[in-house]
Amino acid sequence: MRQITATGQTVEAAVQSALRQLNITADQAEVDIIDEGRKGLLGLFGSKPAIVKVSKVESPATKSSDIEEQTSISTSVDAVEQTKRYVEQIIAEFQIDVTTHVSVDKNVVTIDLAGPQIALLIGKRGQTLNAIQYLAQLAMHQYSEQYYTVIIDAEGYRERRNSTLVSLAKRLADRAAKTNKQVKIEPMPSYERKIIHTALQQRKDIETDSQGIEPNRYVVIKPKVK
């Protein structure tokens, strides 16, 4: 069964986007609403896109041809290109001028974004960029049978954020060791938590642990018992 995860300002817009990508009509689709989204200030700030998963309802007569098409779609080049187009459709909702560039290193696909209003796509502490990356990863799972890690970057933001997190980790680790009290860091995605853990793994005076439930999982830095 062919299916795709799509976003839009409304559920209807997300569904229509998925139908166009699957090249089917509404009567050929099965729709699963993942998130109804919400409107934000001025229609953008604080907004949350609607997310739907739309599947093409197969008939016995078309199943064999669909299998052949699925095999073609799942090739590496097609999967990467479709993921790029999907990201561009998400960006189009922001109505700003952005260019995209894709690079592939083994099983890591990096999509770099650039433009004069790139800060809108990064968001506060990278929250908007992280949301786009999350959706792009879901899309890649749909397009390819081979596993890929998808990274969405914006004019070197990921490297700057990495440096910020390493500095933050060291500063808070020093505080935990000095006060002999544990320190909690604000919730962040798993790959950012990994940066914190890695930055402190050689410390002998503290230890780190991830606690909470996604998407609000966070790192705790604890002084080691002497």
N, C-alpha and C. Protein backbone atom coordinates (compact mmCIF):
# COMPACT_ATOMS: atom_id res chain seq x y z
N MET A 1 0.85 -1.20 0.00
CA MET A 1 0.00 0.00 0.00
C MET A 1 0.88 1.24 0.00
N ARG A 2 0.64 2.14 -0.96
CA ARG A 2 1.38 3.39 -1.00
C ARG A 2 0.78 4.37 -0.02
N GLN A 3 1.63 5.06 0.74
CA GLN A 3 1.14 6.04 1.69
C GLN A 3 2.17 7.15 1.86
N ILE A 4 1.69 8.29 2.33
CA ILE A 4 2.58 9.43 2.49
C ILE A 4 2.11 10.26 3.66
N THR A 5 3.06 10.85 4.38
CA THR A 5 2.74 11.78 5.46
C THR A 5 2.89 13.20 4.91
N ALA A 6 1.86 14.04 5.10
CA ALA A 6 1.88 15.39 4.55
C ALA A 6 1.45 16.39 5.61
N THR A 7 1.82 17.64 5.39
CA THR A 7 1.47 18.72 6.31
C THR A 7 0.77 19.84 5.55
N GLY A 8 0.09 20.69 6.30
CA GLY A 8 -0.58 21.84 5.72
C GLY A 8 -1.08 22.75 6.82
N GLN A 9 -1.49 23.95 6.45
CA GLN A 9 -2.01 24.88 7.45
C GLN A 9 -3.30 24.37 8.07
N THR A 10 -4.04 23.54 7.31
CA THR A 10 -5.25 22.90 7.82
C THR A 10 -5.20 21.43 7.44
N VAL A 11 -6.10 20.64 8.04
CA VAL A 11 -6.18 19.21 7.70
C VAL A 11 -6.50 19.04 6.23
N GLU A 12 -7.44 19.83 5.72
CA GLU A 12 -7.84 19.74 4.32
C GLU A 12 -6.66 20.04 3.40
N ALA A 13 -5.89 21.08 3.75
CA ALA A 13 -4.73 21.43 2.92
C ALA A 13 -3.69 20.31 2.93
N ALA A 14 -3.49 19.69 4.08
CA ALA A 14 -2.55 18.57 4.18
C ALA A 14 -3.01 17.38 3.35
N VAL A 15 -4.31 17.10 3.42
CA VAL A 15 -4.87 15.98 2.64
C VAL A 15 -4.71 16.23 1.15
N GLN A 16 -5.02 17.46 0.72
CA GLN A 16 -4.90 17.79 -0.70
C GLN A 16 -3.46 17.67 -1.17
N SER A 17 -2.52 18.07 -0.32
CA SER A 17 -1.10 17.94 -0.66
C SER A 17 -0.74 16.47 -0.85
N ALA A 18 -1.21 15.62 0.04
CA ALA A 18 -0.91 14.18 -0.06
C ALA A 18 -1.54 13.57 -1.31
N LEU A 19 -2.78 13.98 -1.62
CA LEU A 19 -3.45 13.45 -2.82
C LEU A 19 -2.69 13.81 -4.08
N ARG A 20 -2.18 15.04 -4.13
CA ARG A 20 -1.40 15.46 -5.31
C ARG A 20 -0.12 14.65 -5.43
N GLN A 21 0.55 14.41 -4.31
CA GLN A 21 1.80 13.65 -4.35
C GLN A 21 1.57 12.19 -4.75
N LEU A 22 0.46 11.64 -4.29
CA LEU A 22 0.13 10.25 -4.64
C LEU A 22 -0.55 10.15 -6.00
N ASN A 23 -0.97 11.33 -6.54
CA ASN A 23 -1.66 11.37 -7.83
C ASN A 23 -2.94 10.54 -7.82
N ILE A 24 -3.75 10.71 -6.76
CA ILE A 24 -5.01 9.99 -6.63
C ILE A 24 -6.12 10.97 -6.25
N THR A 25 -7.35 10.50 -6.31
CA THR A 25 -8.49 11.30 -5.88
C THR A 25 -8.91 10.88 -4.48
N ALA A 26 -9.80 11.69 -3.88
CA ALA A 26 -10.20 11.45 -2.49
C ALA A 26 -10.85 10.09 -2.30
N ASP A 27 -11.61 9.62 -3.31
CA ASP A 27 -12.30 8.34 -3.18
C ASP A 27 -11.35 7.15 -3.26
N GLN A 28 -10.08 7.41 -3.61
CA GLN A 28 -9.09 6.34 -3.67
C GLN A 28 -8.17 6.35 -2.44
N ALA A 29 -8.52 7.21 -1.46
CA ALA A 29 -7.60 7.42 -0.34
C ALA A 29 -8.21 7.02 0.99
N GLU A 30 -7.31 6.62 1.89
CA GLU A 30 -7.65 6.38 3.28
C GLU A 30 -6.85 7.37 4.11
N VAL A 31 -7.55 8.22 4.89
CA VAL A 31 -6.90 9.32 5.59
C VAL A 31 -6.84 9.05 7.09
N ASP A 32 -5.64 9.23 7.64
CA ASP A 32 -5.43 9.11 9.09
C ASP A 32 -4.88 10.44 9.59
N ILE A 33 -5.66 11.16 10.42
CA ILE A 33 -5.23 12.47 10.94
C ILE A 33 -4.31 12.26 12.13
N ILE A 34 -3.04 12.64 11.98
CA ILE A 34 -2.05 12.49 13.05
C ILE A 34 -2.12 13.67 14.00
N ASP A 35 -2.26 14.88 13.46
CA ASP A 35 -2.33 16.09 14.29
C ASP A 35 -3.16 17.12 13.54
N GLU A 36 -4.17 17.68 14.20
CA GLU A 36 -5.03 18.66 13.56
C GLU A 36 -4.37 20.03 13.47
N GLY A 37 -3.24 20.23 14.14
CA GLY A 37 -2.51 21.49 14.08
C GLY A 37 -3.22 22.60 14.84
N ARG A 38 -2.64 23.78 14.76
CA ARG A 38 -3.24 24.96 15.39
C ARG A 38 -2.74 26.22 14.72
N LYS A 39 -3.56 27.25 14.75
CA LYS A 39 -3.16 28.54 14.19
C LYS A 39 -2.37 29.31 15.23
N GLY A 40 -1.36 30.05 14.76
CA GLY A 40 -0.55 30.85 15.68
C GLY A 40 -0.77 32.33 15.48
N LEU A 41 -0.01 33.10 16.17
CA LEU A 41 -0.09 34.54 16.06
C LEU A 41 0.23 34.97 14.64
N LEU A 42 -0.67 35.78 14.07
CA LEU A 42 -0.54 36.24 12.68
C LEU A 42 -0.48 35.09 11.69
N GLY A 43 -1.01 33.94 12.13
CA GLY A 43 -1.05 32.80 11.24
C GLY A 43 0.26 32.07 11.08
N LEU A 44 1.31 32.48 11.85
CA LEU A 44 2.61 31.85 11.67
C LEU A 44 3.29 31.56 13.00
N PHE A 45 3.57 32.60 13.80
CA PHE A 45 4.34 32.40 15.03
C PHE A 45 3.53 31.60 16.04
N GLY A 46 4.10 30.50 16.52
CA GLY A 46 3.42 29.64 17.46
C GLY A 46 2.45 28.68 16.79
N SER A 47 2.41 28.73 15.45
CA SER A 47 1.48 27.84 14.75
C SER A 47 2.04 26.43 14.70
N LYS A 48 1.16 25.49 14.45
CA LYS A 48 1.56 24.09 14.36
C LYS A 48 0.84 23.49 13.16
N PRO A 49 1.58 22.93 12.19
CA PRO A 49 0.92 22.43 10.99
C PRO A 49 0.09 21.18 11.27
N ALA A 50 -0.96 21.04 10.49
CA ALA A 50 -1.74 19.80 10.54
C ALA A 50 -0.93 18.69 9.87
N ILE A 51 -1.00 17.48 10.40
CA ILE A 51 -0.25 16.35 9.85
C ILE A 51 -1.22 15.20 9.59
N VAL A 52 -1.18 14.67 8.37
CA VAL A 52 -2.05 13.54 8.03
C VAL A 52 -1.23 12.46 7.34
N LYS A 53 -1.71 11.24 7.45
CA LYS A 53 -1.12 10.14 6.70
C LYS A 53 -2.17 9.62 5.74
N VAL A 54 -1.89 9.68 4.47
CA VAL A 54 -2.85 9.29 3.45
C VAL A 54 -2.33 8.05 2.71
N SER A 55 -3.18 7.04 2.62
CA SER A 55 -2.81 5.80 1.95
C SER A 55 -3.67 5.59 0.72
N LYS A 56 -3.08 5.07 -0.32
CA LYS A 56 -3.84 4.74 -1.52
C LYS A 56 -4.49 3.37 -1.33
N VAL A 57 -5.81 3.32 -1.50
CA VAL A 57 -6.55 2.07 -1.36
C VAL A 57 -6.34 1.26 -2.63
N GLU A 58 -5.74 0.09 -2.46
CA GLU A 58 -5.41 -0.73 -3.61
C GLU A 58 -6.55 -1.67 -3.97
N SER A 59 -6.67 -1.92 -5.24
CA SER A 59 -7.61 -2.93 -5.73
C SER A 59 -6.80 -4.08 -6.29
N PRO A 60 -7.34 -5.31 -6.34
CA PRO A 60 -6.59 -6.45 -6.85
C PRO A 60 -6.05 -6.22 -8.24
N ALA A 61 -6.79 -5.44 -9.05
CA ALA A 61 -6.39 -5.24 -10.44
C ALA A 61 -5.15 -4.37 -10.55
N THR A 62 -4.95 -3.50 -9.58
CA THR A 62 -3.82 -2.56 -9.66
C THR A 62 -2.67 -2.93 -8.75
N LYS A 63 -2.85 -3.94 -7.88
CA LYS A 63 -1.84 -4.25 -6.87
C LYS A 63 -0.50 -4.60 -7.49
N SER A 64 -0.49 -5.41 -8.55
CA SER A 64 0.77 -5.84 -9.13
C SER A 64 1.53 -4.67 -9.73
N SER A 65 0.82 -3.75 -10.39
CA SER A 65 1.50 -2.59 -10.96
C SER A 65 2.00 -1.66 -9.86
N ASP A 66 1.24 -1.58 -8.75
CA ASP A 66 1.67 -0.75 -7.64
C ASP A 66 2.95 -1.28 -7.01
N ILE A 67 3.10 -2.60 -6.95
CA ILE A 67 4.31 -3.20 -6.39
C ILE A 67 5.52 -2.82 -7.23
N GLU A 68 5.36 -2.83 -8.57
CA GLU A 68 6.45 -2.44 -9.45
C GLU A 68 6.81 -0.97 -9.24
N GLU A 69 5.79 -0.14 -9.09
CA GLU A 69 6.03 1.29 -8.88
C GLU A 69 6.70 1.53 -7.55
N GLN A 70 6.28 0.78 -6.50
CA GLN A 70 6.88 0.92 -5.18
C GLN A 70 8.35 0.58 -5.21
N THR A 71 8.71 -0.46 -5.98
CA THR A 71 10.11 -0.86 -6.11
C THR A 71 10.93 0.26 -6.71
N SER A 72 10.36 0.93 -7.71
CA SER A 72 11.06 2.04 -8.35
C SER A 72 11.22 3.21 -7.40
N ILE A 73 10.16 3.53 -6.64
CA ILE A 73 10.20 4.67 -5.74
C ILE A 73 11.22 4.47 -4.64
N SER A 74 11.39 3.21 -4.22
CA SER A 74 12.25 2.93 -3.07
C SER A 74 13.73 2.97 -3.40
N THR A 75 14.11 3.20 -4.67
CA THR A 75 15.52 3.33 -5.00
C THR A 75 16.08 4.57 -4.32
N SER A 76 17.38 4.55 -4.06
CA SER A 76 18.01 5.61 -3.28
C SER A 76 17.81 6.99 -3.88
N VAL A 77 18.09 7.12 -5.18
CA VAL A 77 18.00 8.44 -5.81
C VAL A 77 16.60 8.98 -5.74
N ASP A 78 15.61 8.17 -6.06
CA ASP A 78 14.22 8.62 -6.02
C ASP A 78 13.80 9.01 -4.61
N ALA A 79 14.20 8.22 -3.62
CA ALA A 79 13.81 8.49 -2.24
C ALA A 79 14.36 9.82 -1.77
N VAL A 80 15.61 10.09 -2.08
CA VAL A 80 16.24 11.35 -1.67
C VAL A 80 15.55 12.52 -2.37
N GLU A 81 15.30 12.38 -3.66
CA GLU A 81 14.66 13.46 -4.42
C GLU A 81 13.25 13.73 -3.92
N GLN A 82 12.50 12.68 -3.62
CA GLN A 82 11.14 12.87 -3.13
C GLN A 82 11.14 13.52 -1.75
N THR A 83 12.11 13.15 -0.92
CA THR A 83 12.20 13.78 0.40
C THR A 83 12.52 15.26 0.25
N LYS A 84 13.41 15.59 -0.68
CA LYS A 84 13.74 17.00 -0.95
C LYS A 84 12.49 17.76 -1.39
N ARG A 85 11.73 17.19 -2.30
CA ARG A 85 10.52 17.87 -2.77
C ARG A 85 9.51 18.03 -1.63
N TYR A 86 9.44 17.04 -0.77
CA TYR A 86 8.52 17.10 0.37
C TYR A 86 8.90 18.24 1.30
N VAL A 87 10.20 18.38 1.58
CA VAL A 87 10.68 19.48 2.42
C VAL A 87 10.36 20.82 1.77
N GLU A 88 10.53 20.90 0.46
CA GLU A 88 10.23 22.15 -0.25
C GLU A 88 8.74 22.49 -0.17
N GLN A 89 7.88 21.48 -0.14
CA GLN A 89 6.45 21.73 0.01
C GLN A 89 6.13 22.29 1.39
N ILE A 90 6.82 21.77 2.41
CA ILE A 90 6.63 22.30 3.77
C ILE A 90 7.07 23.76 3.82
N ILE A 91 8.25 24.04 3.25
CA ILE A 91 8.79 25.39 3.26
C ILE A 91 7.87 26.36 2.52
N ALA A 92 7.23 25.87 1.47
CA ALA A 92 6.34 26.73 0.68
C ALA A 92 5.21 27.31 1.54
N GLU A 93 4.84 26.60 2.61
CA GLU A 93 3.78 27.09 3.50
C GLU A 93 4.20 28.38 4.22
N PHE A 94 5.51 28.62 4.33
CA PHE A 94 5.99 29.81 5.02
C PHE A 94 6.00 31.03 4.10
N GLN A 95 5.87 30.78 2.79
CA GLN A 95 5.83 31.86 1.81
C GLN A 95 7.05 32.77 1.88
N ILE A 96 8.22 32.16 1.95
CA ILE A 96 9.47 32.91 1.93
C ILE A 96 10.39 32.28 0.89
N ASP A 97 11.38 33.05 0.46
CA ASP A 97 12.30 32.61 -0.58
C ASP A 97 13.43 31.79 0.03
N VAL A 98 13.47 30.50 -0.30
CA VAL A 98 14.47 29.60 0.27
C VAL A 98 15.00 28.68 -0.82
N THR A 99 16.30 28.46 -0.84
CA THR A 99 16.90 27.50 -1.75
C THR A 99 17.32 26.25 -0.97
N THR A 100 17.32 25.11 -1.63
CA THR A 100 17.69 23.85 -0.98
C THR A 100 18.83 23.19 -1.73
N HIS A 101 19.71 22.55 -0.96
CA HIS A 101 20.81 21.79 -1.54
C HIS A 101 20.94 20.48 -0.80
N VAL A 102 21.02 19.37 -1.55
CA VAL A 102 21.07 18.04 -0.93
C VAL A 102 22.44 17.41 -1.11
N SER A 103 22.94 16.81 -0.05
CA SER A 103 24.17 16.02 -0.11
C SER A 103 23.94 14.69 0.59
N VAL A 104 24.57 13.64 0.08
CA VAL A 104 24.40 12.30 0.64
C VAL A 104 25.77 11.72 0.97
N ASP A 105 25.94 11.31 2.22
CA ASP A 105 27.17 10.67 2.67
C ASP A 105 26.79 9.34 3.31
N LYS A 106 26.99 8.27 2.58
CA LYS A 106 26.58 6.93 3.00
C LYS A 106 25.08 6.92 3.28
N ASN A 107 24.68 6.75 4.53
CA ASN A 107 23.24 6.69 4.82
C ASN A 107 22.73 7.98 5.48
N VAL A 108 23.49 9.06 5.34
CA VAL A 108 23.06 10.35 5.90
C VAL A 108 22.73 11.31 4.78
N VAL A 109 21.50 11.79 4.77
CA VAL A 109 21.04 12.76 3.78
C VAL A 109 20.93 14.12 4.46
N THR A 110 21.69 15.10 3.98
CA THR A 110 21.64 16.44 4.53
C THR A 110 21.00 17.39 3.53
N ILE A 111 19.96 18.10 3.97
CA ILE A 111 19.30 19.09 3.13
C ILE A 111 19.58 20.45 3.74
N ASP A 112 20.38 21.26 3.03
CA ASP A 112 20.75 22.59 3.51
C ASP A 112 19.77 23.62 2.96
N LEU A 113 19.30 24.50 3.83
CA LEU A 113 18.38 25.56 3.45
C LEU A 113 19.10 26.89 3.55
N ALA A 114 18.78 27.81 2.64
CA ALA A 114 19.40 29.14 2.67
C ALA A 114 18.40 30.16 2.14
N GLY A 115 18.47 31.36 2.70
CA GLY A 115 17.57 32.42 2.25
C GLY A 115 17.64 33.61 3.18
N PRO A 116 17.16 34.77 2.72
CA PRO A 116 17.24 36.00 3.53
C PRO A 116 16.41 35.97 4.81
N GLN A 117 15.38 35.12 4.86
CA GLN A 117 14.53 35.03 6.06
C GLN A 117 14.65 33.66 6.72
N ILE A 118 15.87 33.12 6.69
CA ILE A 118 16.08 31.76 7.17
C ILE A 118 15.76 31.61 8.65
N ALA A 119 15.81 32.71 9.42
CA ALA A 119 15.52 32.63 10.86
C ALA A 119 14.11 32.11 11.11
N LEU A 120 13.17 32.38 10.20
CA LEU A 120 11.80 31.90 10.36
C LEU A 120 11.74 30.38 10.32
N LEU A 121 12.63 29.77 9.54
CA LEU A 121 12.64 28.31 9.44
C LEU A 121 13.43 27.66 10.57
N ILE A 122 14.30 28.42 11.21
CA ILE A 122 15.05 27.88 12.35
C ILE A 122 14.18 27.89 13.60
N GLY A 123 13.54 29.03 13.88
CA GLY A 123 12.68 29.12 15.04
C GLY A 123 13.47 29.24 16.33
N LYS A 124 12.76 29.38 17.43
CA LYS A 124 13.39 29.51 18.74
C LYS A 124 14.13 28.23 19.11
N ARG A 125 15.43 28.37 19.35
CA ARG A 125 16.30 27.23 19.67
C ARG A 125 16.15 26.09 18.65
N GLY A 126 15.88 26.44 17.42
CA GLY A 126 15.82 25.44 16.36
C GLY A 126 14.56 24.59 16.33
N GLN A 127 13.51 25.01 17.06
CA GLN A 127 12.30 24.18 17.17
C GLN A 127 11.62 23.97 15.82
N THR A 128 11.53 25.03 15.00
CA THR A 128 10.89 24.88 13.69
C THR A 128 11.73 23.98 12.79
N LEU A 129 13.03 24.18 12.79
CA LEU A 129 13.92 23.36 11.98
C LEU A 129 13.85 21.90 12.41
N ASN A 130 13.77 21.67 13.71
CA ASN A 130 13.67 20.30 14.23
C ASN A 130 12.36 19.64 13.79
N ALA A 131 11.27 20.43 13.77
CA ALA A 131 9.98 19.88 13.34
C ALA A 131 10.03 19.49 11.87
N ILE A 132 10.65 20.33 11.04
CA ILE A 132 10.78 20.00 9.61
C ILE A 132 11.64 18.75 9.44
N GLN A 133 12.70 18.65 10.22
CA GLN A 133 13.57 17.47 10.14
C GLN A 133 12.82 16.21 10.54
N TYR A 134 12.00 16.30 11.58
CA TYR A 134 11.21 15.15 12.03
C TYR A 134 10.27 14.67 10.93
N LEU A 135 9.60 15.62 10.28
CA LEU A 135 8.66 15.25 9.21
C LEU A 135 9.41 14.69 8.00
N ALA A 136 10.59 15.26 7.71
CA ALA A 136 11.39 14.76 6.59
C ALA A 136 11.85 13.33 6.85
N GLN A 137 12.19 13.02 8.10
CA GLN A 137 12.60 11.66 8.44
C GLN A 137 11.44 10.68 8.27
N LEU A 138 10.24 11.09 8.68
CA LEU A 138 9.05 10.26 8.47
C LEU A 138 8.82 10.01 6.99
N ALA A 139 8.98 11.06 6.19
CA ALA A 139 8.77 10.93 4.74
C ALA A 139 9.78 9.96 4.14
N MET A 140 11.03 10.07 4.55
CA MET A 140 12.06 9.17 4.02
C MET A 140 11.75 7.72 4.34
N HIS A 141 11.20 7.45 5.51
CA HIS A 141 10.81 6.08 5.86
C HIS A 141 9.76 5.56 4.89
N GLN A 142 8.90 6.45 4.40
CA GLN A 142 7.85 6.06 3.46
C GLN A 142 8.43 5.81 2.06
N TYR A 143 9.41 6.60 1.68
CA TYR A 143 9.93 6.55 0.31
C TYR A 143 10.97 5.46 0.08
N SER A 144 11.69 5.07 1.13
CA SER A 144 12.82 4.16 0.93
C SER A 144 12.78 2.95 1.85
N GLU A 145 13.12 1.80 1.32
CA GLU A 145 13.23 0.60 2.14
C GLU A 145 14.57 0.59 2.88
N GLN A 146 15.54 1.33 2.35
CA GLN A 146 16.84 1.44 3.00
C GLN A 146 16.77 2.54 4.06
N TYR A 147 17.44 2.35 5.20
CA TYR A 147 17.38 3.35 6.27
C TYR A 147 18.32 4.51 5.97
N TYR A 148 17.79 5.72 6.10
CA TYR A 148 18.58 6.94 5.97
C TYR A 148 18.32 7.83 7.18
N THR A 149 19.36 8.53 7.62
CA THR A 149 19.19 9.60 8.60
C THR A 149 19.10 10.91 7.83
N VAL A 150 18.05 11.68 8.10
CA VAL A 150 17.85 12.94 7.40
C VAL A 150 18.20 14.09 8.34
N ILE A 151 19.06 14.98 7.88
CA ILE A 151 19.43 16.18 8.64
C ILE A 151 19.00 17.41 7.84
N ILE A 152 18.23 18.28 8.47
CA ILE A 152 17.86 19.54 7.86
C ILE A 152 18.68 20.64 8.51
N ASP A 153 19.51 21.30 7.72
CA ASP A 153 20.37 22.37 8.24
C ASP A 153 19.97 23.69 7.59
N ALA A 154 20.38 24.79 8.20
CA ALA A 154 20.05 26.12 7.69
C ALA A 154 21.24 27.04 7.88
N GLU A 155 22.02 27.20 6.81
CA GLU A 155 23.16 28.11 6.81
C GLU A 155 24.10 27.87 8.00
N GLY A 156 24.43 26.61 8.23
CA GLY A 156 25.39 26.26 9.28
C GLY A 156 24.84 26.28 10.69
N TYR A 157 23.50 26.30 10.84
CA TYR A 157 22.91 26.38 12.18
C TYR A 157 23.29 25.17 13.04
N ARG A 158 23.28 23.98 12.45
CA ARG A 158 23.54 22.77 13.24
C ARG A 158 24.92 22.82 13.90
N GLU A 159 25.93 23.29 13.18
CA GLU A 159 27.27 23.36 13.76
C GLU A 159 27.32 24.38 14.89
N ARG A 160 26.65 25.52 14.68
CA ARG A 160 26.61 26.54 15.74
C ARG A 160 25.86 26.02 16.96
N ARG A 161 24.76 25.33 16.73
CA ARG A 161 23.98 24.77 17.83
C ARG A 161 24.80 23.71 18.57
N ASN A 162 25.56 22.92 17.84
CA ASN A 162 26.41 21.90 18.46
C ASN A 162 27.39 22.55 19.43
N SER A 163 28.04 23.62 18.98
CA SER A 163 29.01 24.32 19.84
C SER A 163 28.32 24.90 21.08
N THR A 164 27.12 25.44 20.88
CA THR A 164 26.37 26.00 22.01
C THR A 164 26.04 24.93 23.03
N LEU A 165 25.61 23.76 22.55
CA LEU A 165 25.23 22.67 23.45
C LEU A 165 26.44 22.13 24.22
N VAL A 166 27.58 22.04 23.55
CA VAL A 166 28.79 21.55 24.23
C VAL A 166 29.18 22.52 25.34
N SER A 167 29.14 23.82 25.04
CA SER A 167 29.47 24.83 26.06
C SER A 167 28.48 24.77 27.22
N LEU A 168 27.20 24.62 26.88
CA LEU A 168 26.16 24.52 27.91
C LEU A 168 26.39 23.30 28.79
N ALA A 169 26.70 22.18 28.17
CA ALA A 169 26.92 20.94 28.91
C ALA A 169 28.07 21.09 29.91
N LYS A 170 29.16 21.67 29.47
CA LYS A 170 30.33 21.83 30.35
C LYS A 170 30.02 22.78 31.50
N ARG A 171 29.31 23.87 31.21
CA ARG A 171 28.98 24.84 32.25
C ARG A 171 28.06 24.25 33.31
N LEU A 172 27.04 23.51 32.87
CA LEU A 172 26.10 22.92 33.81
C LEU A 172 26.73 21.74 34.56
N ALA A 173 27.65 21.04 33.92
CA ALA A 173 28.35 19.96 34.61
C ALA A 173 29.21 20.52 35.75
N ASP A 174 29.86 21.63 35.49
CA ASP A 174 30.64 22.28 36.54
C ASP A 174 29.74 22.70 37.70
N ARG A 175 28.55 23.22 37.37
CA ARG A 175 27.62 23.62 38.42
C ARG A 175 27.17 22.42 39.25
N ALA A 176 26.85 21.30 38.58
CA ALA A 176 26.41 20.11 39.28
C ALA A 176 27.50 19.59 40.22
N ALA A 177 28.74 19.61 39.73
CA ALA A 177 29.85 19.12 40.55
C ALA A 177 30.13 20.05 41.73
N LYS A 178 30.03 21.35 41.50
CA LYS A 178 30.33 22.33 42.55
C LYS A 178 29.27 22.35 43.64
N THR A 179 27.99 22.27 43.23
CA THR A 179 26.89 22.36 44.21
C THR A 179 26.50 21.00 44.77
N ASN A 180 27.01 19.94 44.12
CA ASN A 180 26.65 18.57 44.50
C ASN A 180 25.14 18.33 44.37
N LYS A 181 24.55 19.00 43.36
CA LYS A 181 23.13 18.83 43.08
C LYS A 181 22.94 18.55 41.59
N GLN A 182 21.91 17.75 41.27
CA GLN A 182 21.67 17.46 39.87
C GLN A 182 21.08 18.68 39.14
N VAL A 183 21.37 18.74 37.86
CA VAL A 183 20.90 19.85 37.02
C VAL A 183 20.11 19.29 35.85
N LYS A 184 18.92 19.84 35.62
CA LYS A 184 18.09 19.41 34.49
C LYS A 184 18.23 20.40 33.35
N ILE A 185 18.35 19.88 32.14
CA ILE A 185 18.41 20.71 30.94
C ILE A 185 17.05 20.64 30.25
N GLU A 186 16.65 21.72 29.61
CA GLU A 186 15.35 21.78 28.95
C GLU A 186 15.19 20.64 27.94
N PRO A 187 13.97 20.21 27.67
CA PRO A 187 13.73 19.13 26.70
C PRO A 187 14.34 19.46 25.34
N MET A 188 14.87 18.43 24.70
CA MET A 188 15.45 18.60 23.37
C MET A 188 15.39 17.28 22.63
N PRO A 189 15.49 17.29 21.29
CA PRO A 189 15.43 16.05 20.52
C PRO A 189 16.59 15.12 20.83
N SER A 190 16.43 13.85 20.46
CA SER A 190 17.39 12.82 20.86
C SER A 190 18.81 13.10 20.38
N TYR A 191 18.98 13.61 19.15
CA TYR A 191 20.34 13.83 18.65
C TYR A 191 21.02 14.97 19.39
N GLU A 192 20.24 15.94 19.92
CA GLU A 192 20.85 17.00 20.73
C GLU A 192 21.20 16.48 22.12
N ARG A 193 20.35 15.60 22.66
CA ARG A 193 20.70 14.98 23.95
C ARG A 193 21.99 14.16 23.81
N LYS A 194 22.16 13.54 22.66
CA LYS A 194 23.36 12.74 22.43
C LYS A 194 24.61 13.62 22.45
N ILE A 195 24.49 14.84 21.94
CA ILE A 195 25.62 15.78 21.97
C ILE A 195 26.01 16.08 23.41
N ILE A 196 25.00 16.27 24.27
CA ILE A 196 25.27 16.54 25.70
C ILE A 196 25.98 15.34 26.34
N HIS A 197 25.41 14.15 26.12
CA HIS A 197 25.99 12.94 26.71
C HIS A 197 27.44 12.75 26.25
N THR A 198 27.67 12.92 24.94
CA THR A 198 29.01 12.71 24.39
C THR A 198 30.01 13.72 24.94
N ALA A 199 29.57 14.97 25.08
CA ALA A 199 30.47 16.02 25.57
C ALA A 199 30.94 15.77 26.99
N LEU A 200 30.14 15.04 27.76
CA LEU A 200 30.45 14.85 29.19
C LEU A 200 30.86 13.42 29.55
N GLN A 201 30.95 12.55 28.56
CA GLN A 201 31.18 11.14 28.87
C GLN A 201 32.54 10.86 29.51
N GLN A 202 33.51 11.76 29.32
CA GLN A 202 34.83 11.54 29.91
C GLN A 202 34.97 12.14 31.31
N ARG A 203 33.95 12.86 31.77
CA ARG A 203 34.01 13.46 33.11
C ARG A 203 33.94 12.37 34.18
N LYS A 204 34.78 12.49 35.18
CA LYS A 204 34.81 11.51 36.27
C LYS A 204 33.97 11.94 37.47
N ASP A 205 33.59 13.23 37.49
CA ASP A 205 32.88 13.74 38.66
C ASP A 205 31.37 13.83 38.49
N ILE A 206 30.89 13.63 37.25
CA ILE A 206 29.44 13.69 37.02
C ILE A 206 29.02 12.55 36.08
N GLU A 207 27.70 12.35 35.98
CA GLU A 207 27.14 11.40 35.03
C GLU A 207 25.87 11.99 34.45
N THR A 208 25.47 11.50 33.30
CA THR A 208 24.29 12.04 32.64
C THR A 208 23.26 10.95 32.40
N ASP A 209 22.01 11.39 32.32
CA ASP A 209 20.92 10.46 32.10
C ASP A 209 19.80 11.19 31.38
N SER A 210 19.08 10.50 30.50
CA SER A 210 17.91 11.08 29.84
C SER A 210 16.66 10.60 30.56
N GLN A 211 15.76 11.53 30.84
CA GLN A 211 14.53 11.21 31.55
C GLN A 211 13.34 11.86 30.84
N GLY A 212 12.13 11.42 31.23
CA GLY A 212 10.93 11.98 30.64
C GLY A 212 10.46 11.19 29.44
N ILE A 213 9.39 11.65 28.84
CA ILE A 213 8.76 10.99 27.71
C ILE A 213 8.78 11.92 26.51
N GLU A 214 9.12 11.36 25.33
CA GLU A 214 9.12 12.17 24.11
C GLU A 214 7.74 12.80 23.90
N PRO A 215 7.69 14.04 23.39
CA PRO A 215 8.80 14.86 22.91
C PRO A 215 9.41 15.76 23.98
N ASN A 216 9.12 15.46 25.25
CA ASN A 216 9.61 16.29 26.36
C ASN A 216 10.72 15.61 27.15
N ARG A 217 11.48 14.75 26.49
CA ARG A 217 12.57 14.06 27.15
C ARG A 217 13.76 15.02 27.32
N TYR A 218 14.45 14.92 28.46
CA TYR A 218 15.49 15.89 28.78
C TYR A 218 16.68 15.18 29.43
N VAL A 219 17.80 15.90 29.50
CA VAL A 219 19.04 15.38 30.10
C VAL A 219 19.16 15.87 31.54
N VAL A 220 19.56 14.96 32.41
CA VAL A 220 19.86 15.31 33.80
C VAL A 220 21.33 15.06 34.04
N ILE A 221 22.02 16.06 34.58
CA ILE A 221 23.44 15.93 34.94
C ILE A 221 23.53 15.76 36.45
N LYS A 222 24.13 14.65 36.87
CA LYS A 222 24.17 14.32 38.30
C LYS A 222 25.61 14.22 38.79
N PRO A 223 25.89 14.72 39.99
CA PRO A 223 27.23 14.53 40.57
C PRO A 223 27.37 13.06 40.97
N LYS A 224 28.54 12.50 40.75
CA LYS A 224 28.78 11.12 41.12
C LYS A 224 28.98 11.00 42.62
N VAL A 225 28.45 9.94 43.16
CA VAL A 225 28.62 9.69 44.59
C VAL A 225 30.06 9.27 44.85
N LYS A 226 30.73 9.97 45.77
CA LYS A 226 32.12 9.67 46.07
C LYS A 226 32.25 8.65 47.17
